[in-house]
C-alpha atoms as a PDB file:
ATOM      1  CA  MET A   1     -19.523   0.529 -13.525  1.00  0.00           C
ATOM      2  CA  SER A   2     -16.407   2.624 -14.141  1.00  0.00           C
ATOM      3  CA  ALA A   3     -13.643   2.499 -11.550  1.00  0.00           C
ATOM      4  CA  ARG A   4     -13.267   5.309  -9.046  1.00  0.00           C
ATOM      5  CA  VAL A   5      -9.811   4.154  -7.880  1.00  0.00           C
ATOM      6  CA  LEU A   6      -7.030   2.423  -9.790  1.00  0.00           C
ATOM      7  CA  THR A   7      -4.243   0.422  -8.156  1.00  0.00           C
ATOM      8  CA  VAL A   8      -1.021  -0.532  -9.941  1.00  0.00           C
ATOM      9  CA  THR A   9       1.130  -3.443  -8.740  1.00  0.00           C
ATOM     10  CA  LEU A  10       4.181  -4.261 -10.838  1.00  0.00           C
ATOM     11  CA  ASN A  11       5.549  -6.922  -8.489  1.00  0.00           C
ATOM     12  CA  PRO A  12       2.590  -8.774  -6.936  1.00  0.00           C
ATOM     13  CA  ALA A  13       3.010 -11.853  -4.794  1.00  0.00           C
ATOM     14  CA  ILE A  14       1.229 -14.875  -3.448  1.00  0.00           C
ATOM     15  CA  ASP A  15       1.389 -14.661   0.335  1.00  0.00           C
ATOM     16  CA  GLN A  16       1.942 -18.068   1.909  1.00  0.00           C
ATOM     17  CA  THR A  17       1.220 -17.645   5.605  1.00  0.00           C
ATOM     18  CA  VAL A  18       2.560 -20.398   7.850  1.00  0.00           C
ATOM     19  CA  ARG A  19       1.448 -20.487  11.494  1.00  0.00           C
ATOM     20  CA  LEU A  20       3.753 -21.987  14.140  1.00  0.00           C
ATOM     21  CA  ASP A  21       4.291 -21.678  17.863  1.00  0.00           C
ATOM     22  CA  THR A  22       7.824 -20.298  17.967  1.00  0.00           C
ATOM     23  CA  LEU A  23      10.438 -19.873  15.261  1.00  0.00           C
ATOM     24  CA  GLU A  24      13.800 -21.325  16.269  1.00  0.00           C
ATOM     25  CA  PRO A  25      16.487 -20.856  13.589  1.00  0.00           C
ATOM     26  CA  GLY A  26      18.214 -24.069  12.597  1.00  0.00           C
ATOM     27  CA  GLN A  27      15.456 -26.288  14.011  1.00  0.00           C
ATOM     28  CA  VAL A  28      12.740 -28.435  12.398  1.00  0.00           C
ATOM     29  CA  HIS A  29       9.249 -26.998  12.879  1.00  0.00           C
ATOM     30  CA  ARG A  30       5.754 -28.418  12.600  1.00  0.00           C
ATOM     31  CA  ALA A  31       3.400 -25.801  11.225  1.00  0.00           C
ATOM     32  CA  GLY A  32      -0.065 -25.414  12.658  1.00  0.00           C
ATOM     33  CA  ARG A  33      -1.609 -24.428   9.349  1.00  0.00           C
ATOM     34  CA  SER A  34      -0.783 -22.732   6.067  1.00  0.00           C
ATOM     35  CA  ARG A  35      -2.762 -20.700   3.522  1.00  0.00           C
ATOM     36  CA  GLU A  36      -2.123 -18.862   0.280  1.00  0.00           C
ATOM     37  CA  ASP A  37      -3.596 -15.480  -0.623  1.00  0.00           C
ATOM     38  CA  ALA A  38      -3.226 -13.166  -3.576  1.00  0.00           C
ATOM     39  CA  GLY A  39      -1.031 -10.338  -2.391  1.00  0.00           C
ATOM     40  CA  GLY A  40       1.308  -7.543  -3.278  1.00  0.00           C
ATOM     41  CA  LYS A  41       0.782  -4.047  -1.920  1.00  0.00           C
ATOM     42  CA  GLY A  42      -1.493  -2.717  -4.650  1.00  0.00           C
ATOM     43  CA  ILE A  43      -3.551  -5.910  -4.701  1.00  0.00           C
ATOM     44  CA  ASN A  44      -4.089  -5.566  -0.944  1.00  0.00           C
ATOM     45  CA  VAL A  45      -5.148  -1.942  -1.394  1.00  0.00           C
ATOM     46  CA  ALA A  46      -7.654  -2.911  -4.088  1.00  0.00           C
ATOM     47  CA  ALA A  47      -9.154  -5.592  -1.829  1.00  0.00           C
ATOM     48  CA  CYS A  48      -9.665  -3.118   1.023  1.00  0.00           C
ATOM     49  CA  LEU A  49     -11.261  -0.543  -1.258  1.00  0.00           C
ATOM     50  CA  ALA A  50     -13.589  -3.175  -2.708  1.00  0.00           C
ATOM     51  CA  ASP A  51     -14.669  -4.126   0.823  1.00  0.00           C
ATOM     52  CA  TRP A  52     -15.377  -0.438   1.470  1.00  0.00           C
ATOM     53  CA  GLY A  53     -17.660  -0.430  -1.565  1.00  0.00           C
ATOM     54  CA  VAL A  54     -15.455   1.549  -3.945  1.00  0.00           C
ATOM     55  CA  ALA A  55     -15.374   0.483  -7.587  1.00  0.00           C
ATOM     56  CA  THR A  56     -11.719  -0.415  -8.081  1.00  0.00           C
ATOM     57  CA  THR A  57      -9.579  -1.610 -10.972  1.00  0.00           C
ATOM     58  CA  ALA A  58      -6.370  -3.566 -10.382  1.00  0.00           C
ATOM     59  CA  LEU A  59      -3.652  -3.071 -12.988  1.00  0.00           C
ATOM     60  CA  GLY A  60      -0.393  -4.969 -12.829  1.00  0.00           C
ATOM     61  CA  VAL A  61       1.661  -7.890 -14.093  1.00  0.00           C
ATOM     62  CA  ILE A  62       0.840 -11.471 -13.073  1.00  0.00           C
ATOM     63  CA  GLY A  63       2.555 -14.732 -13.989  1.00  0.00           C
ATOM     64  CA  ALA A  64       0.222 -16.874 -16.091  1.00  0.00           C
ATOM     65  CA  ASP A  65       1.301 -20.127 -14.429  1.00  0.00           C
ATOM     66  CA  ASN A  66      -0.274 -19.329 -11.045  1.00  0.00           C
ATOM     67  CA  ALA A  67      -2.793 -16.624 -11.881  1.00  0.00           C
ATOM     68  CA  ALA A  68      -5.805 -18.530 -10.497  1.00  0.00           C
ATOM     69  CA  VAL A  69      -5.436 -17.206  -6.942  1.00  0.00           C
ATOM     70  CA  PHE A  70      -5.569 -13.628  -8.252  1.00  0.00           C
ATOM     71  CA  ARG A  71      -8.530 -14.339 -10.520  1.00  0.00           C
ATOM     72  CA  SER A  72     -10.367 -15.824  -7.547  1.00  0.00           C
ATOM     73  CA  LEU A  73      -9.737 -12.743  -5.390  1.00  0.00           C
ATOM     74  CA  PHE A  74     -10.872 -10.364  -8.128  1.00  0.00           C
ATOM     75  CA  GLU A  75     -14.075 -12.334  -8.701  1.00  0.00           C
ATOM     76  CA  GLN A  76     -14.885 -12.664  -4.991  1.00  0.00           C
ATOM     77  CA  ARG A  77     -14.359  -8.984  -4.214  1.00  0.00           C
ATOM     78  CA  GLY A  78     -15.732  -7.522  -7.447  1.00  0.00           C
ATOM     79  CA  ILE A  79     -12.406  -5.954  -8.470  1.00  0.00           C
ATOM     80  CA  ALA A  80     -12.055  -5.148 -12.169  1.00  0.00           C
ATOM     81  CA  ASP A  81      -9.090  -7.117 -13.513  1.00  0.00           C
ATOM     82  CA  SER A  82      -6.848  -5.181 -15.884  1.00  0.00           C
ATOM     83  CA  CYS A  83      -3.670  -7.121 -15.088  1.00  0.00           C
ATOM     84  CA  LEU A  84      -1.345  -8.316 -17.823  1.00  0.00           C
ATOM     85  CA  ARG A  85      -0.468 -12.024 -17.872  1.00  0.00           C
ATOM     86  CA  VAL A  86       3.111 -12.930 -18.737  1.00  0.00           C
ATOM     87  CA  PRO A  87       4.848 -16.331 -18.960  1.00  0.00           C
ATOM     88  CA  GLY A  88       6.082 -17.723 -15.677  1.00  0.00           C
ATOM     89  CA  SER A  89       4.980 -17.698 -12.044  1.00  0.00           C
ATOM     90  CA  THR A  90       4.234 -14.798  -9.729  1.00  0.00           C
ATOM     91  CA  ARG A  91       6.628 -14.805  -6.774  1.00  0.00           C
ATOM     92  CA  THR A  92       5.721 -16.253  -3.377  1.00  0.00           C
ATOM     93  CA  ASN A  93       6.255 -14.416  -0.120  1.00  0.00           C
ATOM     94  CA  VAL A  94       6.504 -16.802   2.838  1.00  0.00           C
ATOM     95  CA  LYS A  95       5.307 -15.313   6.126  1.00  0.00           C
ATOM     96  CA  LEU A  96       6.188 -17.282   9.253  1.00  0.00           C
ATOM     97  CA  VAL A  97       3.774 -16.098  11.937  1.00  0.00           C
ATOM     98  CA  GLU A  98       4.480 -17.092  15.537  1.00  0.00           C
ATOM     99  CA  ARG A  99       1.904 -17.478  18.286  1.00  0.00           C
ATOM    100  CA  ASP A 100       2.668 -13.991  19.667  1.00  0.00           C
ATOM    101  CA  GLY A 101       2.207 -12.421  16.239  1.00  0.00           C
ATOM    102  CA  ARG A 102       5.856 -11.903  15.412  1.00  0.00           C
ATOM    103  CA  THR A 103       6.269 -12.354  11.669  1.00  0.00           C
ATOM    104  CA  THR A 104       9.332 -13.382   9.690  1.00  0.00           C
ATOM    105  CA  ASP A 105       9.114 -12.633   5.954  1.00  0.00           C
ATOM    106  CA  ILE A 106      10.958 -14.636   3.305  1.00  0.00           C
ATOM    107  CA  ASN A 107      10.398 -12.981  -0.068  1.00  0.00           C
ATOM    108  CA  LEU A 108      11.300 -15.251  -2.970  1.00  0.00           C
ATOM    109  CA  PRO A 109      12.547 -13.940  -6.330  1.00  0.00           C
ATOM    110  CA  GLY A 110       9.839 -12.887  -8.740  1.00  0.00           C
ATOM    111  CA  LEU A 111       9.403 -12.472 -12.446  1.00  0.00           C
ATOM    112  CA  CYS A 112      12.101 -10.755 -14.479  1.00  0.00           C
ATOM    113  CA  LEU A 113      10.245  -8.437 -16.818  1.00  0.00           C
ATOM    114  CA  ASP A 114      11.312  -7.111 -20.164  1.00  0.00           C
ATOM    115  CA  PRO A 115      11.375  -3.269 -20.060  1.00  0.00           C
ATOM    116  CA  GLY A 116       8.818  -3.338 -22.867  1.00  0.00           C
ATOM    117  CA  ILE A 117       6.251  -4.598 -20.355  1.00  0.00           C
ATOM    118  CA  LEU A 118       6.299  -1.162 -18.752  1.00  0.00           C
ATOM    119  CA  GLY A 119       5.090   0.289 -22.038  1.00  0.00           C
ATOM    120  CA  ALA A 120       2.214  -2.203 -22.086  1.00  0.00           C
ATOM    121  CA  VAL A 121       1.264  -1.233 -18.533  1.00  0.00           C
ATOM    122  CA  ALA A 122       1.431   2.450 -19.482  1.00  0.00           C
ATOM    123  CA  ALA A 123      -0.900   1.835 -22.429  1.00  0.00           C
ATOM    124  CA  ARG A 124      -3.487   0.190 -20.187  1.00  0.00           C
ATOM    125  CA  LEU A 125      -3.059   2.941 -17.620  1.00  0.00           C
ATOM    126  CA  GLU A 126      -3.754   5.608 -20.236  1.00  0.00           C
ATOM    127  CA  ALA A 127      -7.090   4.012 -21.094  1.00  0.00           C
ATOM    128  CA  LEU A 128      -8.196   3.896 -17.439  1.00  0.00           C
ATOM    129  CA  LEU A 129      -7.238   7.357 -16.166  1.00  0.00           C
ATOM    130  CA  THR A 130      -9.810  10.020 -15.333  1.00  0.00           C
ATOM    131  CA  PRO A 131      -9.298  13.479 -13.762  1.00  0.00           C
ATOM    132  CA  GLN A 132      -9.038  13.510  -9.959  1.00  0.00           C
ATOM    133  CA  MET A 133      -8.991   9.695  -9.808  1.00  0.00           C
ATOM    134  CA  PRO A 134      -6.814   8.364  -6.967  1.00  0.00           C
ATOM    135  CA  VAL A 135      -4.186   6.132  -8.582  1.00  0.00           C
ATOM    136  CA  VAL A 136      -2.257   3.982  -6.108  1.00  0.00           C
ATOM    137  CA  LEU A 137       1.248   3.005  -7.218  1.00  0.00           C
ATOM    138  CA  SER A 138       2.610   0.657  -4.618  1.00  0.00           C
ATOM    139  CA  GLY A 139       5.173  -1.977  -3.881  1.00  0.00           C
ATOM    140  CA  SER A 140       8.612  -2.905  -5.122  1.00  0.00           C
ATOM    141  CA  LEU A 141       9.759  -3.105  -8.721  1.00  0.00           C
ATOM    142  CA  PRO A 142      10.482  -6.487 -10.324  1.00  0.00           C
ATOM    143  CA  ALA A 143      13.830  -7.353 -11.847  1.00  0.00           C
ATOM    144  CA  GLY A 144      14.257  -6.003 -15.346  1.00  0.00           C
ATOM    145  CA  LEU A 145      12.470  -2.686 -14.812  1.00  0.00           C
ATOM    146  CA  PRO A 146      14.378   0.568 -14.234  1.00  0.00           C
ATOM    147  CA  HIS A 147      14.346   2.423 -10.915  1.00  0.00           C
ATOM    148  CA  ALA A 148      12.395   5.187 -12.670  1.00  0.00           C
ATOM    149  CA  ALA A 149       9.421   2.917 -13.513  1.00  0.00           C
ATOM    150  CA  TRP A 150       7.160   4.431 -10.879  1.00  0.00           C
ATOM    151  CA  ALA A 151       8.297   7.917 -11.832  1.00  0.00           C
ATOM    152  CA  ARG A 152       7.241   7.279 -15.444  1.00  0.00           C
ATOM    153  CA  LEU A 153       3.755   6.011 -14.538  1.00  0.00           C
ATOM    154  CA  GLN A 154       3.402   8.733 -11.930  1.00  0.00           C
ATOM    155  CA  ALA A 155       4.113  11.475 -14.468  1.00  0.00           C
ATOM    156  CA  GLN A 156       1.632   9.911 -16.887  1.00  0.00           C
ATOM    157  CA  ALA A 157      -1.141   9.759 -14.287  1.00  0.00           C
ATOM    158  CA  GLN A 158      -0.532  13.214 -12.845  1.00  0.00           C
ATOM    159  CA  SER A 159      -0.439  14.730 -16.334  1.00  0.00           C
ATOM    160  CA  ALA A 160      -3.914  13.290 -16.929  1.00  0.00           C
ATOM    161  CA  GLY A 161      -5.196  15.040 -13.812  1.00  0.00           C
ATOM    162  CA  ALA A 162      -5.231  11.936 -11.611  1.00  0.00           C
ATOM    163  CA  ARG A 163      -3.884  12.021  -8.052  1.00  0.00           C
ATOM    164  CA  VAL A 164      -1.086   9.522  -7.435  1.00  0.00           C
ATOM    165  CA  VAL A 165      -0.721   7.915  -4.018  1.00  0.00           C
ATOM    166  CA  LEU A 166       2.761   6.393  -3.930  1.00  0.00           C
ATOM    167  CA  ASP A 167       3.861   3.692  -1.491  1.00  0.00           C
ATOM    168  CA  SER A 168       7.298   2.361  -2.394  1.00  0.00           C
ATOM    169  CA  SER A 169      10.837   2.426  -1.075  1.00  0.00           C
ATOM    170  CA  GLY A 170      14.524   2.620  -1.949  1.00  0.00           C
ATOM    171  CA  PRO A 171      15.722   3.834  -5.353  1.00  0.00           C
ATOM    172  CA  ALA A 172      12.211   3.574  -6.840  1.00  0.00           C
ATOM    173  CA  LEU A 173      10.835   5.949  -4.204  1.00  0.00           C
ATOM    174  CA  ALA A 174      13.806   8.311  -4.593  1.00  0.00           C
ATOM    175  CA  ALA A 175      13.386   8.451  -8.373  1.00  0.00           C
ATOM    176  CA  ALA A 176       9.673   9.199  -8.043  1.00  0.00           C
ATOM    177  CA  LEU A 177      10.314  11.979  -5.536  1.00  0.00           C
ATOM    178  CA  GLU A 178      12.970  13.508  -7.789  1.00  0.00           C
ATOM    179  CA  SER A 179      10.508  13.615 -10.693  1.00  0.00           C
ATOM    180  CA  GLN A 180       9.385  16.957 -12.118  1.00  0.00           C
ATOM    181  CA  THR A 181       5.829  15.739 -11.504  1.00  0.00           C
ATOM    182  CA  PRO A 182       5.913  14.501  -7.879  1.00  0.00           C
ATOM    183  CA  PRO A 183       3.153  12.271  -6.509  1.00  0.00           C
ATOM    184  CA  PHE A 184       0.077  13.810  -4.921  1.00  0.00           C
ATOM    185  CA  ALA A 185       0.587  11.735  -1.767  1.00  0.00           C
ATOM    186  CA  VAL A 186       3.234   9.450  -0.266  1.00  0.00           C
ATOM    187  CA  LYS A 187       3.123   7.041   2.692  1.00  0.00           C
ATOM    188  CA  PRO A 188       6.650   6.155   3.817  1.00  0.00           C
ATOM    189  CA  ASN A 189       7.414   4.514   7.127  1.00  0.00           C
ATOM    190  CA  ARG A 190      10.234   5.742   9.337  1.00  0.00           C
ATOM    191  CA  HIS A 191      12.885   3.498   7.747  1.00  0.00           C
ATOM    192  CA  GLU A 192      11.870   4.433   4.195  1.00  0.00           C
ATOM    193  CA  LEU A 193      11.971   8.109   5.088  1.00  0.00           C
ATOM    194  CA  GLU A 194      15.397   7.681   6.698  1.00  0.00           C
ATOM    195  CA  ALA A 195      16.684   6.019   3.528  1.00  0.00           C
ATOM    196  CA  TRP A 196      15.397   8.932   1.451  1.00  0.00           C
ATOM    197  CA  THR A 197      16.899  11.625   3.709  1.00  0.00           C
ATOM    198  CA  GLY A 198      20.147   9.723   4.238  1.00  0.00           C
ATOM    199  CA  HIS A 199      20.186  10.138   8.013  1.00  0.00           C
ATOM    200  CA  ALA A 200      18.481   8.876  11.156  1.00  0.00           C
ATOM    201  CA  LEU A 201      15.117  10.322  12.148  1.00  0.00           C
ATOM    202  CA  ASP A 202      15.135   9.591  15.843  1.00  0.00           C
ATOM    203  CA  ASP A 203      12.133  11.561  17.051  1.00  0.00           C
ATOM    204  CA  ARG A 204       8.840  13.040  15.943  1.00  0.00           C
ATOM    205  CA  ASP A 205      10.306  16.463  15.204  1.00  0.00           C
ATOM    206  CA  ALA A 206      12.819  14.912  12.806  1.00  0.00           C
ATOM    207  CA  LEU A 207      10.057  12.963  11.064  1.00  0.00           C
ATOM    208  CA  LEU A 208       7.943  16.108  10.779  1.00  0.00           C
ATOM    209  CA  ALA A 209      10.860  18.006   9.269  1.00  0.00           C
ATOM    210  CA  ALA A 210      11.375  15.264   6.691  1.00  0.00           C
ATOM    211  CA  GLY A 211       7.662  15.252   5.914  1.00  0.00           C
ATOM    212  CA  ARG A 212       7.674  19.017   5.419  1.00  0.00           C
ATOM    213  CA  ALA A 213      10.650  18.657   3.089  1.00  0.00           C
ATOM    214  CA  LEU A 214       8.466  16.401   0.923  1.00  0.00           C
ATOM    215  CA  LEU A 215       5.694  19.011   0.932  1.00  0.00           C
ATOM    216  CA  ALA A 216       8.261  21.595  -0.202  1.00  0.00           C
ATOM    217  CA  ARG A 217       9.091  19.313  -3.144  1.00  0.00           C
ATOM    218  CA  GLY A 218       5.511  19.500  -4.371  1.00  0.00           C
ATOM    219  CA  VAL A 219       3.883  16.546  -2.617  1.00  0.00           C
ATOM    220  CA  SER A 220       0.425  17.554  -1.359  1.00  0.00           C
ATOM    221  CA  LEU A 221      -0.110  14.928   1.353  1.00  0.00           C
ATOM    222  CA  VAL A 222       2.485  13.049   3.425  1.00  0.00           C
ATOM    223  CA  VAL A 223       1.633  10.199   5.777  1.00  0.00           C
ATOM    224  CA  VAL A 224       4.418   8.709   7.891  1.00  0.00           C
ATOM    225  CA  SER A 225       3.417   5.391   9.440  1.00  0.00           C
ATOM    226  CA  MET A 226       5.004   4.621  12.815  1.00  0.00           C
ATOM    227  CA  GLY A 227       3.489   1.268  13.754  1.00  0.00           C
ATOM    228  CA  SER A 228       1.993   1.172  17.238  1.00  0.00           C
ATOM    229  CA  ASP A 229       2.896   4.868  17.706  1.00  0.00           C
ATOM    230  CA  GLY A 230       0.333   5.847  15.083  1.00  0.00           C
ATOM    231  CA  ALA A 231       0.959   7.933  11.993  1.00  0.00           C
ATOM    232  CA  LEU A 232       1.835  11.511  11.120  1.00  0.00           C
ATOM    233  CA  PHE A 233      -0.383  13.249   8.565  1.00  0.00           C
ATOM    234  CA  LEU A 234       0.862  16.432   6.911  1.00  0.00           C
ATOM    235  CA  ASP A 235      -0.445  18.708   4.190  1.00  0.00           C
ATOM    236  CA  HIS A 236      -0.196  22.423   3.555  1.00  0.00           C
ATOM    237  CA  SER A 237      -2.923  23.102   6.137  1.00  0.00           C
ATOM    238  CA  GLY A 238      -0.916  21.628   9.011  1.00  0.00           C
ATOM    239  CA  ALA A 239       0.161  18.413  10.692  1.00  0.00           C
ATOM    240  CA  LEU A 240      -1.320  15.970  13.163  1.00  0.00           C
ATOM    241  CA  LEU A 241      -0.658  12.686  14.904  1.00  0.00           C
ATOM    242  CA  ALA A 242      -3.305   9.955  14.602  1.00  0.00           C
ATOM    243  CA  ARG A 243      -3.259   7.144  17.140  1.00  0.00           C
ATOM    244  CA  PRO A 244      -5.541   4.095  17.208  1.00  0.00           C
ATOM    245  CA  PRO A 245      -7.871   3.830  20.222  1.00  0.00           C
ATOM    246  CA  ARG A 246      -6.684   0.249  20.719  1.00  0.00           C
ATOM    247  CA  LEU A 247      -3.915  -1.944  19.408  1.00  0.00           C
ATOM    248  CA  GLU A 248      -4.824  -5.133  17.599  1.00  0.00           C
ATOM    249  CA  GLY A 249      -2.643  -8.154  18.267  1.00  0.00           C
ATOM    250  CA  GLY A 250      -1.392 -10.674  15.755  1.00  0.00           C
ATOM    251  CA  SER A 251       0.367 -10.286  12.448  1.00  0.00           C
ATOM    252  CA  SER A 252       0.710  -6.775  11.026  1.00  0.00           C
ATOM    253  CA  VAL A 253       0.572  -8.077   7.429  1.00  0.00           C
ATOM    254  CA  GLY A 254      -1.444  -5.690   5.273  1.00  0.00           C
ATOM    255  CA  ALA A 255      -1.891  -2.913   7.853  1.00  0.00           C
ATOM    256  CA  GLY A 256       0.117  -0.372   5.855  1.00  0.00           C
ATOM    257  CA  ASP A 257      -1.695  -1.275   2.645  1.00  0.00           C
ATOM    258  CA  ALA A 258      -5.035  -0.803   4.399  1.00  0.00           C
ATOM    259  CA  MET A 259      -3.883   2.645   5.492  1.00  0.00           C
ATOM    260  CA  VAL A 260      -3.072   3.498   1.863  1.00  0.00           C
ATOM    261  CA  ALA A 261      -6.558   2.311   0.899  1.00  0.00           C
ATOM    262  CA  GLY A 262      -8.004   4.589   3.562  1.00  0.00           C
ATOM    263  CA  ILE A 263      -6.077   7.539   2.144  1.00  0.00           C
ATOM    264  CA  ALA A 264      -7.433   6.806  -1.334  1.00  0.00           C
ATOM    265  CA  ALA A 265     -10.965   6.492   0.061  1.00  0.00           C
ATOM    266  CA  ALA A 266     -10.599   9.838   1.847  1.00  0.00           C
ATOM    267  CA  LEU A 267      -9.582  11.488  -1.429  1.00  0.00           C
ATOM    268  CA  LEU A 268     -12.970  10.497  -2.834  1.00  0.00           C
ATOM    269  CA  GLU A 269     -14.821  12.557  -0.215  1.00  0.00           C
ATOM    270  CA  PRO A 270     -16.491  15.734  -1.577  1.00  0.00           C
ATOM    271  CA  ALA A 271     -14.343  17.939   0.658  1.00  0.00           C
ATOM    272  CA  PHE A 272     -10.959  16.566   1.746  1.00  0.00           C
ATOM    273  CA  ASP A 273     -10.099  17.151   5.384  1.00  0.00           C
ATOM    274  CA  LEU A 274      -6.744  16.144   6.905  1.00  0.00           C
ATOM    275  CA  GLY A 275      -8.288  15.037  10.196  1.00  0.00           C
ATOM    276  CA  GLY A 276     -10.978  13.039   8.430  1.00  0.00           C
ATOM    277  CA  CYS A 277      -8.347  11.370   6.266  1.00  0.00           C
ATOM    278  CA  ALA A 278      -6.301  10.467   9.346  1.00  0.00           C
ATOM    279  CA  ARG A 279      -9.318   8.974  11.110  1.00  0.00           C
ATOM    280  CA  LEU A 280     -10.426   6.939   8.106  1.00  0.00           C
ATOM    281  CA  ALA A 281      -6.963   5.664   7.184  1.00  0.00           C
ATOM    282  CA  THR A 282      -6.216   4.643  10.777  1.00  0.00           C
ATOM    283  CA  ALA A 283      -9.561   2.864  11.100  1.00  0.00           C
ATOM    284  CA  PHE A 284      -8.945   1.031   7.809  1.00  0.00           C
ATOM    285  CA  SER A 285      -5.642  -0.231   9.193  1.00  0.00           C
ATOM    286  CA  MET A 286      -7.205  -1.310  12.492  1.00  0.00           C
ATOM    287  CA  SER A 287     -10.045  -3.196  10.792  1.00  0.00           C
ATOM    288  CA  ARG A 288      -7.641  -5.014   8.486  1.00  0.00           C
ATOM    289  CA  LEU A 289      -5.523  -6.082  11.471  1.00  0.00           C
ATOM    290  CA  HIS A 290      -8.580  -7.176  13.426  1.00  0.00           C
ATOM    291  CA  SER A 291      -9.715  -9.516  10.638  1.00  0.00           C
ATOM    292  CA  GLY A 292      -6.609 -11.714  10.879  1.00  0.00           C
ATOM    293  CA  ASP A 293      -6.438 -14.436   8.236  1.00  0.00           C
ATOM    294  CA  ALA A 294      -9.703 -13.265   6.682  1.00  0.00           C
ATOM    295  CA  ARG A 295      -7.825 -10.235   5.330  1.00  0.00           C
ATOM    296  CA  ARG A 296     -11.052  -8.259   5.131  1.00  0.00           C
ATOM    297  CA  LEU A 297     -12.296  -4.786   5.927  1.00  0.00           C
ATOM    298  CA  ASP A 298     -15.540  -4.336   7.872  1.00  0.00           C
ATOM    299  CA  PRO A 299     -17.180  -1.025   6.812  1.00  0.00           C
ATOM    300  CA  ALA A 300     -19.386  -0.772   9.927  1.00  0.00           C
ATOM    301  CA  GLN A 301     -16.373  -1.399  12.136  1.00  0.00           C
ATOM    302  CA  VAL A 302     -14.348   1.202  10.239  1.00  0.00           C
ATOM    303  CA  ARG A 303     -17.052   3.855  10.725  1.00  0.00           C
ATOM    304  CA  ASP A 304     -17.238   3.097  14.440  1.00  0.00           C
ATOM    305  CA  TRP A 305     -13.499   3.091  15.020  1.00  0.00           C
ATOM    306  CA  ALA A 306     -12.877   6.195  12.891  1.00  0.00           C
ATOM    307  CA  GLY A 307     -14.735   8.239  15.484  1.00  0.00           C
ATOM    308  CA  GLN A 308     -12.515   6.843  18.238  1.00  0.00           C
ATOM    309  CA  VAL A 309      -9.125   7.593  16.651  1.00  0.00           C
ATOM    310  CA  HIS A 310      -7.071   9.979  18.787  1.00  0.00           C
ATOM    311  CA  ILE A 311      -6.070  13.105  16.858  1.00  0.00           C
ATOM    312  CA  ASP A 312      -3.338  15.403  18.218  1.00  0.00           C
ATOM    313  CA  PRO A 313      -2.719  18.625  16.267  1.00  0.00           C
ATOM    314  CA  LEU A 314       0.995  19.375  15.909  1.00  0.00           C
ATOM    315  CA  GLY A 315       2.726  22.698  15.579  1.00  0.00           C
END
């Protein structure tokens, strides 16, 4: 079965989640439990889409020394594996999760890639692209690759008629937004949008103005995630605020990636609708949060919660 969505993750990670009561800097802690999961933003997106029943291919770069956890995820979820294996180990991200859900992230250094690897990724990408396919480019860039790496793959995908959904930050995001072929959609959070604009965005009006500036640059869909305050969704038809009907407690790990997956899923609908996209993406995020350590998406739950998402049209 050919893929309907393609995710690209150049800097994946193994998420080591450590549960403890309270984190006290400088003290010795006894962890309640620990687990390791294949992660990285695009890998998380692929897992959510697979749970939703969408045929998905994961493309990326994985260290051969600890690739088993990724192979296991792909086999369990039915994700087509198009990832390159390179010598070395994929990085580990340590997540210290306290009893109240507060999470402290410690992201260890990852692989340092030869720039030629980007050419190998581009070659695999070329073979997988189809017109109108949502292509999710997400996450940070590993050492050794230029800031314009996402911009290069973005231009390649858009030129083939695919629709790029970009979720990155810092110089990589800036380079992609400066490209002559901007992404179809972007999902920055407030801090990422502030870094791009170069100034504080203290209220909703400021965030909306920044989102509209992205639309003026040629982006077709802008989603600004605001945590418990919901998310802003903007396209050329208008803008709206989507708020979850309830807030899920616990760690927020993966919630933003689930929202990106929901955006990609909405792009597969016969007729795209901004409100429908907002409902689906918000419900994806809620379901992912609700699953906790299972890191799963429940399609029945998503359909139920999508109808309960609060939608406020904005001027």
